[in-house]
N, C-alpha and C. Protein backbone atom coordinates (compact mmCIF):
# COMPACT_ATOMS: atom_id res chain seq x y z
N MET A 1 12.10 1.32 -66.63
CA MET A 1 13.05 1.59 -67.70
C MET A 1 12.90 0.52 -68.76
N ARG A 2 12.78 0.95 -70.01
CA ARG A 2 12.77 -0.01 -71.12
C ARG A 2 14.11 0.11 -71.83
N LEU A 3 14.84 -1.01 -71.89
CA LEU A 3 16.21 -1.00 -72.38
C LEU A 3 16.41 -1.96 -73.54
N TRP A 4 17.30 -1.58 -74.45
CA TRP A 4 17.85 -2.49 -75.45
C TRP A 4 19.24 -2.88 -74.97
N LEU A 5 19.54 -4.16 -74.96
CA LEU A 5 20.85 -4.58 -74.50
C LEU A 5 21.30 -5.84 -75.22
N PRO A 6 22.62 -6.02 -75.37
CA PRO A 6 23.12 -7.24 -76.00
C PRO A 6 22.66 -8.47 -75.23
N ASP A 7 22.19 -9.47 -75.95
CA ASP A 7 21.69 -10.69 -75.31
C ASP A 7 22.88 -11.61 -75.01
N LEU A 8 23.71 -11.17 -74.05
CA LEU A 8 24.94 -11.88 -73.70
C LEU A 8 25.02 -12.06 -72.19
N PRO A 9 25.60 -13.17 -71.73
CA PRO A 9 25.75 -13.37 -70.29
C PRO A 9 26.50 -12.20 -69.64
N GLY A 10 25.99 -11.74 -68.52
CA GLY A 10 26.65 -10.68 -67.76
C GLY A 10 26.16 -9.29 -68.04
N THR A 11 25.47 -9.10 -69.18
CA THR A 11 25.02 -7.74 -69.51
C THR A 11 24.01 -7.22 -68.50
N LEU A 12 23.05 -8.06 -68.15
CA LEU A 12 22.03 -7.62 -67.20
C LEU A 12 22.65 -7.33 -65.83
N GLY A 13 23.67 -8.10 -65.47
CA GLY A 13 24.37 -7.85 -64.21
C GLY A 13 25.05 -6.49 -64.21
N ARG A 14 25.65 -6.12 -65.34
CA ARG A 14 26.29 -4.81 -65.44
C ARG A 14 25.26 -3.69 -65.38
N VAL A 15 24.10 -3.93 -65.97
CA VAL A 15 23.02 -2.94 -65.89
C VAL A 15 22.56 -2.78 -64.44
N ALA A 16 22.39 -3.90 -63.74
CA ALA A 16 21.97 -3.84 -62.34
C ALA A 16 22.99 -3.09 -61.49
N ALA A 17 24.28 -3.32 -61.78
CA ALA A 17 25.32 -2.61 -61.04
C ALA A 17 25.26 -1.11 -61.30
N ALA A 18 24.99 -0.74 -62.56
CA ALA A 18 24.87 0.68 -62.91
C ALA A 18 23.69 1.32 -62.19
N ILE A 19 22.60 0.58 -62.10
CA ILE A 19 21.43 1.10 -61.38
C ILE A 19 21.76 1.28 -59.90
N GLY A 20 22.52 0.35 -59.34
CA GLY A 20 22.94 0.47 -57.95
C GLY A 20 23.79 1.70 -57.72
N ARG A 21 24.66 2.03 -58.67
CA ARG A 21 25.50 3.23 -58.53
C ARG A 21 24.66 4.50 -58.51
N ALA A 22 23.47 4.44 -59.11
CA ALA A 22 22.56 5.59 -59.08
C ALA A 22 21.59 5.50 -57.90
N ASN A 23 21.91 4.61 -56.95
CA ASN A 23 21.08 4.41 -55.75
C ASN A 23 19.70 3.85 -56.06
N GLY A 24 19.59 3.17 -57.19
CA GLY A 24 18.33 2.54 -57.54
C GLY A 24 18.28 1.08 -57.09
N ASP A 25 17.09 0.58 -56.89
CA ASP A 25 16.87 -0.80 -56.47
C ASP A 25 15.95 -1.48 -57.48
N VAL A 26 16.46 -2.52 -58.17
CA VAL A 26 15.65 -3.22 -59.17
C VAL A 26 14.64 -4.12 -58.44
N ILE A 27 13.36 -3.86 -58.68
CA ILE A 27 12.31 -4.65 -58.01
C ILE A 27 11.47 -5.47 -59.00
N GLY A 28 11.78 -5.36 -60.29
CA GLY A 28 11.05 -6.14 -61.28
C GLY A 28 11.77 -6.15 -62.62
N ILE A 29 11.76 -7.31 -63.29
CA ILE A 29 12.37 -7.44 -64.61
C ILE A 29 11.41 -8.20 -65.52
N GLU A 30 11.18 -7.66 -66.69
CA GLU A 30 10.32 -8.31 -67.69
C GLU A 30 11.08 -8.36 -69.01
N ILE A 31 11.28 -9.55 -69.57
CA ILE A 31 11.92 -9.69 -70.87
C ILE A 31 10.83 -9.58 -71.93
N LEU A 32 10.83 -8.49 -72.67
CA LEU A 32 9.75 -8.21 -73.61
C LEU A 32 9.96 -8.87 -74.97
N GLU A 33 11.22 -8.98 -75.38
CA GLU A 33 11.48 -9.51 -76.72
C GLU A 33 12.95 -9.87 -76.83
N ARG A 34 13.26 -10.89 -77.63
CA ARG A 34 14.65 -11.28 -77.88
C ARG A 34 14.79 -11.62 -79.35
N GLY A 35 15.96 -11.32 -79.90
CA GLY A 35 16.21 -11.66 -81.30
C GLY A 35 17.36 -10.87 -81.87
N ALA A 36 18.04 -11.46 -82.86
CA ALA A 36 19.15 -10.81 -83.56
C ALA A 36 20.24 -10.37 -82.59
N GLY A 37 20.46 -11.16 -81.54
CA GLY A 37 21.52 -10.86 -80.59
C GLY A 37 21.21 -9.77 -79.60
N MET A 38 19.95 -9.29 -79.59
CA MET A 38 19.56 -8.22 -78.67
C MET A 38 18.36 -8.66 -77.84
N ALA A 39 18.21 -8.04 -76.70
CA ALA A 39 17.03 -8.25 -75.86
C ALA A 39 16.44 -6.89 -75.52
N ILE A 40 15.13 -6.86 -75.37
CA ILE A 40 14.45 -5.66 -74.91
C ILE A 40 13.84 -6.01 -73.56
N ASP A 41 14.36 -5.39 -72.51
CA ASP A 41 13.93 -5.67 -71.15
C ASP A 41 13.27 -4.44 -70.55
N GLU A 42 12.32 -4.70 -69.68
CA GLU A 42 11.69 -3.62 -68.92
C GLU A 42 11.98 -3.85 -67.45
N LEU A 43 12.66 -2.91 -66.82
CA LEU A 43 13.05 -3.01 -65.43
C LEU A 43 12.26 -2.00 -64.61
N THR A 44 11.71 -2.46 -63.50
CA THR A 44 11.08 -1.57 -62.54
C THR A 44 12.10 -1.25 -61.47
N VAL A 45 12.38 0.02 -61.30
CA VAL A 45 13.44 0.47 -60.39
C VAL A 45 12.85 1.41 -59.36
N MET A 46 13.17 1.17 -58.09
CA MET A 46 12.74 2.08 -57.03
C MET A 46 13.89 3.01 -56.70
N LEU A 47 13.60 4.31 -56.69
CA LEU A 47 14.60 5.32 -56.36
C LEU A 47 14.29 5.91 -54.99
N PRO A 48 15.31 6.35 -54.26
CA PRO A 48 15.07 6.96 -52.94
C PRO A 48 14.34 8.28 -53.07
N ASP A 49 13.72 8.72 -51.99
CA ASP A 49 12.99 9.99 -52.00
C ASP A 49 13.89 11.13 -52.45
N GLY A 50 13.34 11.97 -53.31
CA GLY A 50 14.08 13.13 -53.79
C GLY A 50 14.97 12.86 -54.98
N ALA A 51 15.17 11.60 -55.35
CA ALA A 51 16.03 11.27 -56.49
C ALA A 51 15.28 11.47 -57.80
N THR A 52 16.01 11.77 -58.84
CA THR A 52 15.43 11.88 -60.18
C THR A 52 16.00 10.77 -61.06
N SER A 53 15.42 10.63 -62.22
CA SER A 53 15.87 9.56 -63.12
C SER A 53 17.10 9.95 -63.94
N ASP A 54 17.53 11.20 -63.87
CA ASP A 54 18.65 11.65 -64.71
C ASP A 54 19.92 10.86 -64.45
N ALA A 55 20.30 10.72 -63.17
CA ALA A 55 21.52 9.98 -62.84
C ALA A 55 21.38 8.52 -63.23
N LEU A 56 20.19 7.98 -63.07
CA LEU A 56 19.92 6.59 -63.43
C LEU A 56 20.15 6.37 -64.93
N ILE A 57 19.60 7.27 -65.74
CA ILE A 57 19.75 7.16 -67.19
C ILE A 57 21.22 7.28 -67.58
N ASP A 58 21.93 8.22 -66.95
CA ASP A 58 23.35 8.41 -67.27
C ASP A 58 24.16 7.15 -66.97
N GLU A 59 23.92 6.55 -65.80
CA GLU A 59 24.69 5.37 -65.42
C GLU A 59 24.40 4.19 -66.35
N VAL A 60 23.13 3.95 -66.64
CA VAL A 60 22.76 2.81 -67.48
C VAL A 60 23.24 3.02 -68.91
N SER A 61 23.18 4.24 -69.39
CA SER A 61 23.61 4.53 -70.76
C SER A 61 25.11 4.31 -70.95
N ASP A 62 25.86 4.34 -69.85
CA ASP A 62 27.31 4.13 -69.93
C ASP A 62 27.68 2.65 -70.06
N VAL A 63 26.72 1.75 -69.85
CA VAL A 63 27.00 0.33 -70.00
C VAL A 63 27.13 0.02 -71.49
N GLU A 64 28.21 -0.62 -71.87
CA GLU A 64 28.50 -0.86 -73.28
C GLU A 64 27.37 -1.64 -73.97
N GLY A 65 26.90 -1.10 -75.09
CA GLY A 65 25.89 -1.78 -75.90
C GLY A 65 24.46 -1.56 -75.45
N VAL A 66 24.25 -0.84 -74.35
CA VAL A 66 22.91 -0.66 -73.80
C VAL A 66 22.33 0.69 -74.23
N ALA A 67 21.07 0.69 -74.66
CA ALA A 67 20.36 1.91 -75.04
C ALA A 67 19.07 2.02 -74.25
N VAL A 68 18.79 3.19 -73.76
CA VAL A 68 17.56 3.43 -72.99
C VAL A 68 16.47 3.88 -73.96
N GLU A 69 15.40 3.08 -74.07
CA GLU A 69 14.30 3.43 -74.96
C GLU A 69 13.31 4.36 -74.28
N ASP A 70 13.02 4.10 -73.01
CA ASP A 70 11.99 4.89 -72.32
C ASP A 70 12.16 4.78 -70.82
N VAL A 71 11.87 5.87 -70.13
CA VAL A 71 11.82 5.87 -68.66
C VAL A 71 10.59 6.66 -68.24
N HIS A 72 9.76 6.08 -67.42
CA HIS A 72 8.60 6.81 -66.90
C HIS A 72 8.18 6.24 -65.56
N GLU A 73 7.41 7.01 -64.81
CA GLU A 73 6.98 6.61 -63.48
C GLU A 73 5.78 5.67 -63.56
N VAL A 74 5.74 4.74 -62.62
CA VAL A 74 4.57 3.87 -62.45
C VAL A 74 4.21 3.87 -60.97
N ALA A 75 3.00 3.42 -60.66
CA ALA A 75 2.56 3.36 -59.28
C ALA A 75 3.45 2.41 -58.49
N ALA A 76 3.72 2.76 -57.25
CA ALA A 76 4.62 1.96 -56.41
C ALA A 76 4.09 0.55 -56.19
N ASP A 77 2.78 0.38 -56.22
CA ASP A 77 2.19 -0.94 -55.96
C ASP A 77 1.83 -1.68 -57.25
N ARG A 78 2.30 -1.21 -58.38
CA ARG A 78 1.99 -1.87 -59.65
C ARG A 78 2.66 -3.25 -59.69
N PRO A 79 1.89 -4.33 -59.93
CA PRO A 79 2.50 -5.67 -60.00
C PRO A 79 3.27 -5.85 -61.30
N ASP A 80 4.06 -6.92 -61.38
CA ASP A 80 4.76 -7.18 -62.64
C ASP A 80 3.73 -7.50 -63.72
N GLN A 81 4.16 -7.43 -64.96
CA GLN A 81 3.24 -7.47 -66.09
C GLN A 81 2.44 -8.77 -66.16
N SER A 82 3.06 -9.89 -65.83
CA SER A 82 2.34 -11.17 -65.92
C SER A 82 1.22 -11.24 -64.89
N VAL A 83 1.50 -10.81 -63.67
CA VAL A 83 0.48 -10.79 -62.62
C VAL A 83 -0.61 -9.79 -63.00
N LEU A 84 -0.20 -8.64 -63.53
CA LEU A 84 -1.17 -7.62 -63.93
C LEU A 84 -2.10 -8.16 -65.02
N ALA A 85 -1.55 -8.91 -65.98
CA ALA A 85 -2.39 -9.46 -67.05
C ALA A 85 -3.43 -10.43 -66.48
N LEU A 86 -3.04 -11.26 -65.53
CA LEU A 86 -3.99 -12.17 -64.89
C LEU A 86 -5.06 -11.40 -64.13
N ASP A 87 -4.65 -10.34 -63.43
CA ASP A 87 -5.60 -9.53 -62.68
C ASP A 87 -6.60 -8.87 -63.61
N VAL A 88 -6.13 -8.36 -64.75
CA VAL A 88 -7.01 -7.73 -65.73
C VAL A 88 -8.02 -8.73 -66.26
N ALA A 89 -7.56 -9.93 -66.62
CA ALA A 89 -8.47 -10.96 -67.13
C ALA A 89 -9.52 -11.32 -66.08
N ALA A 90 -9.10 -11.47 -64.82
CA ALA A 90 -10.04 -11.84 -63.75
C ALA A 90 -11.07 -10.75 -63.54
N ARG A 91 -10.64 -9.50 -63.54
CA ARG A 91 -11.57 -8.39 -63.30
C ARG A 91 -12.58 -8.25 -64.43
N ILE A 92 -12.15 -8.52 -65.66
CA ILE A 92 -13.09 -8.46 -66.79
C ILE A 92 -14.11 -9.59 -66.68
N MET A 93 -13.64 -10.79 -66.34
CA MET A 93 -14.55 -11.93 -66.21
C MET A 93 -15.57 -11.71 -65.10
N GLU A 94 -15.17 -11.01 -64.03
CA GLU A 94 -16.06 -10.76 -62.90
C GLU A 94 -17.06 -9.65 -63.17
N ALA A 95 -16.82 -8.84 -64.19
CA ALA A 95 -17.68 -7.69 -64.47
C ALA A 95 -19.03 -8.14 -65.02
N PRO A 96 -20.08 -7.39 -64.72
CA PRO A 96 -21.40 -7.72 -65.30
C PRO A 96 -21.39 -7.54 -66.80
N ALA A 97 -22.20 -8.34 -67.49
CA ALA A 97 -22.22 -8.30 -68.95
C ALA A 97 -22.58 -6.92 -69.49
N THR A 98 -23.38 -6.17 -68.74
CA THR A 98 -23.81 -4.85 -69.21
C THR A 98 -22.66 -3.86 -69.34
N SER A 99 -21.59 -4.07 -68.58
CA SER A 99 -20.46 -3.14 -68.63
C SER A 99 -19.14 -3.82 -68.94
N ARG A 100 -19.17 -5.11 -69.30
CA ARG A 100 -17.94 -5.87 -69.47
C ARG A 100 -17.06 -5.31 -70.60
N ALA A 101 -17.64 -4.94 -71.72
CA ALA A 101 -16.84 -4.43 -72.84
C ALA A 101 -16.16 -3.12 -72.47
N ALA A 102 -16.89 -2.22 -71.82
CA ALA A 102 -16.31 -0.94 -71.43
C ALA A 102 -15.20 -1.13 -70.40
N ILE A 103 -15.42 -2.03 -69.45
CA ILE A 103 -14.40 -2.31 -68.44
C ILE A 103 -13.17 -2.94 -69.08
N ALA A 104 -13.38 -3.83 -70.04
CA ALA A 104 -12.26 -4.46 -70.74
C ALA A 104 -11.40 -3.41 -71.44
N CYS A 105 -12.04 -2.47 -72.12
CA CYS A 105 -11.28 -1.42 -72.80
C CYS A 105 -10.46 -0.60 -71.81
N GLU A 106 -11.07 -0.21 -70.70
CA GLU A 106 -10.37 0.62 -69.72
C GLU A 106 -9.19 -0.13 -69.11
N LEU A 107 -9.42 -1.39 -68.73
CA LEU A 107 -8.36 -2.15 -68.05
C LEU A 107 -7.21 -2.50 -69.00
N VAL A 108 -7.53 -2.87 -70.23
CA VAL A 108 -6.48 -3.18 -71.20
C VAL A 108 -5.68 -1.92 -71.53
N ARG A 109 -6.36 -0.81 -71.68
CA ARG A 109 -5.66 0.45 -71.95
C ARG A 109 -4.72 0.79 -70.80
N GLU A 110 -5.18 0.61 -69.58
CA GLU A 110 -4.34 0.88 -68.41
C GLU A 110 -3.15 -0.09 -68.34
N MET A 111 -3.41 -1.37 -68.58
CA MET A 111 -2.35 -2.38 -68.50
C MET A 111 -1.25 -2.11 -69.52
N LEU A 112 -1.63 -1.77 -70.75
CA LEU A 112 -0.67 -1.55 -71.82
C LEU A 112 -0.16 -0.12 -71.87
N GLU A 113 -0.66 0.72 -70.97
CA GLU A 113 -0.30 2.15 -70.98
C GLU A 113 -0.52 2.74 -72.37
N SER A 114 -1.70 2.45 -72.91
CA SER A 114 -2.05 2.86 -74.27
C SER A 114 -2.77 4.20 -74.28
N ASP A 115 -2.86 4.78 -75.47
CA ASP A 115 -3.62 6.02 -75.65
C ASP A 115 -5.10 5.73 -75.89
N TRP A 116 -5.38 4.56 -76.47
CA TRP A 116 -6.76 4.25 -76.79
C TRP A 116 -6.97 2.74 -76.86
N CYS A 117 -8.23 2.34 -76.77
CA CYS A 117 -8.60 0.93 -76.91
C CYS A 117 -10.03 0.87 -77.41
N VAL A 118 -10.31 -0.12 -78.25
CA VAL A 118 -11.65 -0.29 -78.80
C VAL A 118 -11.93 -1.77 -78.97
N ILE A 119 -13.18 -2.15 -78.77
CA ILE A 119 -13.62 -3.50 -79.11
C ILE A 119 -14.53 -3.37 -80.32
N LEU A 120 -14.03 -3.89 -81.45
CA LEU A 120 -14.77 -3.82 -82.70
C LEU A 120 -15.78 -4.95 -82.78
N SER A 121 -16.97 -4.61 -83.20
CA SER A 121 -17.99 -5.63 -83.44
C SER A 121 -18.00 -5.98 -84.92
N ASP A 122 -18.92 -6.83 -85.31
CA ASP A 122 -19.05 -7.17 -86.73
C ASP A 122 -19.48 -5.96 -87.55
N GLN A 123 -20.14 -4.99 -86.89
CA GLN A 123 -20.54 -3.76 -87.57
C GLN A 123 -19.47 -2.72 -87.29
N GLU A 124 -18.61 -2.45 -88.26
CA GLU A 124 -17.42 -1.61 -88.02
C GLU A 124 -17.76 -0.22 -87.53
N SER A 125 -18.93 0.30 -87.83
CA SER A 125 -19.28 1.65 -87.43
C SER A 125 -19.86 1.71 -86.02
N VAL A 126 -20.09 0.55 -85.40
CA VAL A 126 -20.70 0.52 -84.07
C VAL A 126 -19.84 -0.35 -83.15
N PRO A 127 -18.80 0.22 -82.55
CA PRO A 127 -17.96 -0.57 -81.64
C PRO A 127 -18.72 -0.96 -80.39
N LEU A 128 -18.31 -2.05 -79.78
CA LEU A 128 -18.94 -2.46 -78.52
C LEU A 128 -18.54 -1.55 -77.38
N ALA A 129 -17.31 -1.01 -77.43
CA ALA A 129 -16.83 -0.09 -76.39
C ALA A 129 -15.58 0.61 -76.89
N THR A 130 -15.33 1.79 -76.35
CA THR A 130 -14.11 2.53 -76.67
C THR A 130 -13.56 3.17 -75.41
N SER A 131 -12.26 3.46 -75.44
CA SER A 131 -11.61 4.22 -74.37
C SER A 131 -10.52 5.06 -75.01
N GLY A 132 -10.51 6.35 -74.75
CA GLY A 132 -9.53 7.23 -75.36
C GLY A 132 -9.94 7.68 -76.75
N ASP A 133 -9.03 8.36 -77.42
CA ASP A 133 -9.30 8.93 -78.74
C ASP A 133 -8.98 7.89 -79.81
N VAL A 134 -9.98 7.10 -80.17
CA VAL A 134 -9.80 5.99 -81.12
C VAL A 134 -9.71 6.52 -82.54
N PRO A 135 -8.76 6.02 -83.35
CA PRO A 135 -8.66 6.46 -84.75
C PRO A 135 -9.82 5.96 -85.59
N ASP A 136 -9.74 6.22 -86.88
CA ASP A 136 -10.83 5.91 -87.80
C ASP A 136 -11.23 4.44 -87.72
N LEU A 137 -12.48 4.19 -87.38
CA LEU A 137 -12.96 2.82 -87.18
C LEU A 137 -12.96 2.01 -88.48
N ALA A 138 -13.29 2.66 -89.58
CA ALA A 138 -13.32 1.95 -90.87
C ALA A 138 -11.92 1.44 -91.22
N TRP A 139 -10.89 2.26 -90.98
CA TRP A 139 -9.51 1.83 -91.26
C TRP A 139 -9.12 0.67 -90.37
N LEU A 140 -9.44 0.78 -89.07
CA LEU A 140 -9.10 -0.30 -88.13
C LEU A 140 -9.77 -1.60 -88.56
N ALA A 141 -11.06 -1.51 -88.88
CA ALA A 141 -11.80 -2.71 -89.26
C ALA A 141 -11.23 -3.33 -90.53
N ALA A 142 -10.84 -2.49 -91.49
CA ALA A 142 -10.26 -2.99 -92.74
C ALA A 142 -8.92 -3.68 -92.47
N PHE A 143 -8.11 -3.09 -91.59
CA PHE A 143 -6.82 -3.70 -91.28
C PHE A 143 -7.01 -5.05 -90.60
N ILE A 144 -7.89 -5.09 -89.60
CA ILE A 144 -8.12 -6.35 -88.88
C ILE A 144 -8.66 -7.41 -89.83
N ASP A 145 -9.55 -7.02 -90.72
CA ASP A 145 -10.11 -7.98 -91.67
C ASP A 145 -9.01 -8.54 -92.58
N GLY A 146 -8.07 -7.68 -92.97
CA GLY A 146 -7.00 -8.13 -93.84
C GLY A 146 -5.98 -9.00 -93.13
N ALA A 147 -5.78 -8.78 -91.82
CA ALA A 147 -4.77 -9.52 -91.06
C ALA A 147 -5.32 -10.76 -90.38
N SER A 148 -6.63 -10.88 -90.33
CA SER A 148 -7.24 -11.94 -89.53
C SER A 148 -6.98 -13.34 -90.07
N HIS A 149 -6.59 -13.46 -91.35
CA HIS A 149 -6.33 -14.79 -91.92
C HIS A 149 -4.94 -15.31 -91.54
N LEU A 150 -4.09 -14.45 -90.98
CA LEU A 150 -2.74 -14.84 -90.59
C LEU A 150 -2.75 -15.56 -89.25
N SER A 151 -1.72 -16.36 -88.99
CA SER A 151 -1.55 -16.89 -87.65
C SER A 151 -1.29 -15.72 -86.72
N ILE A 152 -1.53 -15.90 -85.43
CA ILE A 152 -1.42 -14.77 -84.52
C ILE A 152 0.00 -14.25 -84.45
N ASP A 153 1.01 -15.15 -84.54
CA ASP A 153 2.40 -14.69 -84.50
C ASP A 153 2.74 -13.90 -85.76
N ASP A 154 2.26 -14.36 -86.93
CA ASP A 154 2.49 -13.60 -88.16
C ASP A 154 1.75 -12.27 -88.11
N ALA A 155 0.56 -12.28 -87.53
CA ALA A 155 -0.22 -11.04 -87.42
C ALA A 155 0.54 -10.02 -86.57
N HIS A 156 1.16 -10.48 -85.48
CA HIS A 156 1.97 -9.58 -84.66
C HIS A 156 3.08 -8.95 -85.49
N GLU A 157 3.72 -9.77 -86.33
CA GLU A 157 4.86 -9.29 -87.11
C GLU A 157 4.46 -8.22 -88.10
N TYR A 158 3.27 -8.34 -88.68
CA TYR A 158 2.86 -7.40 -89.71
C TYR A 158 1.96 -6.28 -89.19
N THR A 159 1.70 -6.27 -87.90
CA THR A 159 0.91 -5.19 -87.31
C THR A 159 1.83 -4.00 -87.02
N PRO A 160 1.38 -2.77 -87.29
CA PRO A 160 2.22 -1.60 -86.96
C PRO A 160 2.66 -1.64 -85.50
N SER A 161 3.87 -1.16 -85.24
CA SER A 161 4.45 -1.27 -83.90
C SER A 161 3.68 -0.50 -82.84
N ASP A 162 2.87 0.48 -83.27
CA ASP A 162 2.13 1.29 -82.29
C ASP A 162 0.72 0.75 -82.04
N MET A 163 0.44 -0.47 -82.50
CA MET A 163 -0.89 -1.04 -82.34
C MET A 163 -0.80 -2.51 -81.95
N ALA A 164 -1.71 -2.96 -81.09
CA ALA A 164 -1.80 -4.37 -80.71
C ALA A 164 -3.27 -4.77 -80.77
N TRP A 165 -3.52 -6.02 -81.17
CA TRP A 165 -4.91 -6.47 -81.28
C TRP A 165 -4.98 -7.97 -81.06
N ALA A 166 -6.20 -8.44 -80.76
CA ALA A 166 -6.43 -9.87 -80.59
C ALA A 166 -7.91 -10.15 -80.74
N PRO A 167 -8.27 -11.28 -81.38
CA PRO A 167 -9.68 -11.65 -81.50
C PRO A 167 -10.21 -12.17 -80.17
N LEU A 168 -11.44 -11.80 -79.84
CA LEU A 168 -12.07 -12.30 -78.62
C LEU A 168 -12.73 -13.65 -78.85
N ALA A 169 -13.05 -13.93 -80.09
CA ALA A 169 -13.66 -15.21 -80.44
C ALA A 169 -13.53 -15.39 -81.94
N GLN A 170 -13.63 -16.63 -82.40
CA GLN A 170 -13.56 -16.91 -83.82
C GLN A 170 -14.68 -16.18 -84.56
N ALA A 171 -14.28 -15.34 -85.52
CA ALA A 171 -15.25 -14.58 -86.32
C ALA A 171 -16.14 -13.71 -85.44
N GLY A 172 -15.59 -13.22 -84.32
CA GLY A 172 -16.35 -12.38 -83.41
C GLY A 172 -15.67 -11.05 -83.18
N PRO A 173 -15.94 -10.41 -82.04
CA PRO A 173 -15.34 -9.11 -81.75
C PRO A 173 -13.82 -9.19 -81.65
N THR A 174 -13.17 -8.04 -81.83
CA THR A 174 -11.73 -7.93 -81.75
C THR A 174 -11.37 -6.74 -80.87
N ILE A 175 -10.41 -6.93 -79.97
CA ILE A 175 -9.95 -5.82 -79.14
C ILE A 175 -8.68 -5.26 -79.75
N VAL A 176 -8.62 -3.94 -79.89
CA VAL A 176 -7.50 -3.26 -80.53
C VAL A 176 -7.07 -2.10 -79.64
N SER A 177 -5.75 -1.91 -79.49
CA SER A 177 -5.25 -0.83 -78.66
C SER A 177 -4.05 -0.19 -79.33
N GLY A 178 -3.83 1.09 -79.06
CA GLY A 178 -2.71 1.78 -79.68
C GLY A 178 -2.11 2.82 -78.76
N ARG A 179 -0.85 3.15 -79.00
CA ARG A 179 -0.17 4.18 -78.22
C ARG A 179 0.89 4.86 -79.08
N SER A 180 1.13 6.12 -78.80
CA SER A 180 2.10 6.89 -79.57
C SER A 180 3.50 6.81 -78.98
N LYS A 181 3.61 6.43 -77.71
CA LYS A 181 4.91 6.40 -77.05
C LYS A 181 5.34 4.97 -76.78
N GLY A 182 6.33 4.50 -77.51
CA GLY A 182 6.87 3.17 -77.26
C GLY A 182 6.15 2.08 -78.03
N ALA A 183 6.91 1.32 -78.81
CA ALA A 183 6.34 0.24 -79.59
C ALA A 183 5.85 -0.89 -78.69
N PHE A 184 4.81 -1.57 -79.14
CA PHE A 184 4.37 -2.79 -78.45
C PHE A 184 5.37 -3.90 -78.76
N ARG A 185 5.76 -4.62 -77.74
CA ARG A 185 6.70 -5.72 -77.90
C ARG A 185 5.96 -7.04 -77.83
N LEU A 186 6.67 -8.12 -78.24
CA LEU A 186 6.04 -9.42 -78.42
C LEU A 186 5.36 -9.90 -77.13
N ARG A 187 6.01 -9.72 -75.99
CA ARG A 187 5.42 -10.20 -74.74
C ARG A 187 4.12 -9.47 -74.42
N GLU A 188 4.07 -8.16 -74.69
CA GLU A 188 2.84 -7.40 -74.47
C GLU A 188 1.73 -7.89 -75.40
N ARG A 189 2.07 -8.14 -76.64
CA ARG A 189 1.07 -8.63 -77.59
C ARG A 189 0.54 -10.00 -77.17
N ARG A 190 1.43 -10.85 -76.68
CA ARG A 190 0.99 -12.17 -76.24
C ARG A 190 0.12 -12.09 -74.99
N HIS A 191 0.42 -11.17 -74.10
CA HIS A 191 -0.45 -10.97 -72.94
C HIS A 191 -1.85 -10.59 -73.39
N LEU A 192 -1.94 -9.68 -74.37
CA LEU A 192 -3.25 -9.27 -74.86
C LEU A 192 -3.97 -10.44 -75.53
N THR A 193 -3.24 -11.25 -76.28
CA THR A 193 -3.84 -12.42 -76.94
C THR A 193 -4.40 -13.39 -75.92
N LEU A 194 -3.68 -13.64 -74.84
CA LEU A 194 -4.15 -14.57 -73.80
C LEU A 194 -5.35 -14.01 -73.06
N ILE A 195 -5.33 -12.71 -72.76
CA ILE A 195 -6.50 -12.09 -72.13
C ILE A 195 -7.72 -12.24 -73.03
N ALA A 196 -7.53 -12.00 -74.33
CA ALA A 196 -8.65 -12.13 -75.27
C ALA A 196 -9.18 -13.55 -75.31
N ARG A 197 -8.30 -14.54 -75.25
CA ARG A 197 -8.76 -15.94 -75.23
C ARG A 197 -9.59 -16.23 -74.00
N ILE A 198 -9.17 -15.67 -72.87
CA ILE A 198 -9.90 -15.92 -71.61
C ILE A 198 -11.27 -15.26 -71.64
N ILE A 199 -11.30 -13.97 -71.96
CA ILE A 199 -12.57 -13.24 -71.87
C ILE A 199 -13.46 -13.51 -73.07
N GLY A 200 -12.90 -14.12 -74.13
CA GLY A 200 -13.72 -14.46 -75.28
C GLY A 200 -14.74 -15.54 -75.02
N SER A 201 -14.62 -16.20 -73.85
CA SER A 201 -15.56 -17.27 -73.51
C SER A 201 -16.84 -16.76 -72.88
N VAL A 202 -16.91 -15.44 -72.62
CA VAL A 202 -18.11 -14.87 -72.02
C VAL A 202 -18.63 -13.75 -72.93
N PRO A 203 -19.94 -13.45 -72.86
CA PRO A 203 -20.50 -12.40 -73.71
C PRO A 203 -19.90 -11.04 -73.39
N MET A 204 -19.70 -10.23 -74.42
CA MET A 204 -19.22 -8.86 -74.23
C MET A 204 -20.36 -7.87 -74.09
N VAL A 205 -21.58 -8.33 -74.33
CA VAL A 205 -22.76 -7.48 -74.15
C VAL A 205 -23.83 -8.33 -73.47
N ASP A 206 -24.78 -7.68 -72.86
CA ASP A 206 -25.90 -8.35 -72.20
C ASP A 206 -26.89 -8.81 -73.26
N SER A 207 -27.08 -10.12 -73.37
CA SER A 207 -28.00 -10.63 -74.38
C SER A 207 -29.45 -10.66 -73.91
N GLY A 208 -29.70 -10.18 -72.69
CA GLY A 208 -31.08 -10.10 -72.19
C GLY A 208 -31.54 -11.41 -71.57
N PRO A 209 -32.78 -11.47 -71.13
CA PRO A 209 -33.31 -12.69 -70.49
C PRO A 209 -33.25 -13.88 -71.41
N GLN A 210 -32.89 -15.03 -70.85
CA GLN A 210 -32.84 -16.26 -71.62
C GLN A 210 -34.16 -17.02 -71.50
């Protein structure tokens, strides 16, 4: 569940109590963003067999000041987002150079629950790898070129909410991902930035015999 809630003591406790009334069990909490007196939290909730999310949404929506942004199913063994980000970075680093870019796109897309992901090279018409239905490459490259002079936090602020990106290396490839359902929040963007910093230390393509 992705929720908007007042950033006040006790609010999360009231949300947890509401989830309990719907027979749900909170097994994970991720604070995605805070500001202007509000917080955006993502809660992983386990429901008993045969239960649906309808009662859960009704109970949580009754908590004063709380709005439900999104509810969807995830795998029962899915780790919390921070552990998942580390696992994604490790798996990309372990991948052979011949398939590292393609694996990076697939894993980042899965981690962010995105519709698409692409690693742009210096040649905007020839990406290093893609996953999903990637939008116009020339537009993406032009946007990244225009935003690349900003600090990463400023870049996050001016990037459309349905897109997240991060440079893999200074003046090198850039990984970009997008989704139509649910805006990317600051914590998700920072996870992508850290993954890019880690994997930017290794080649994204096989440079051949040395």
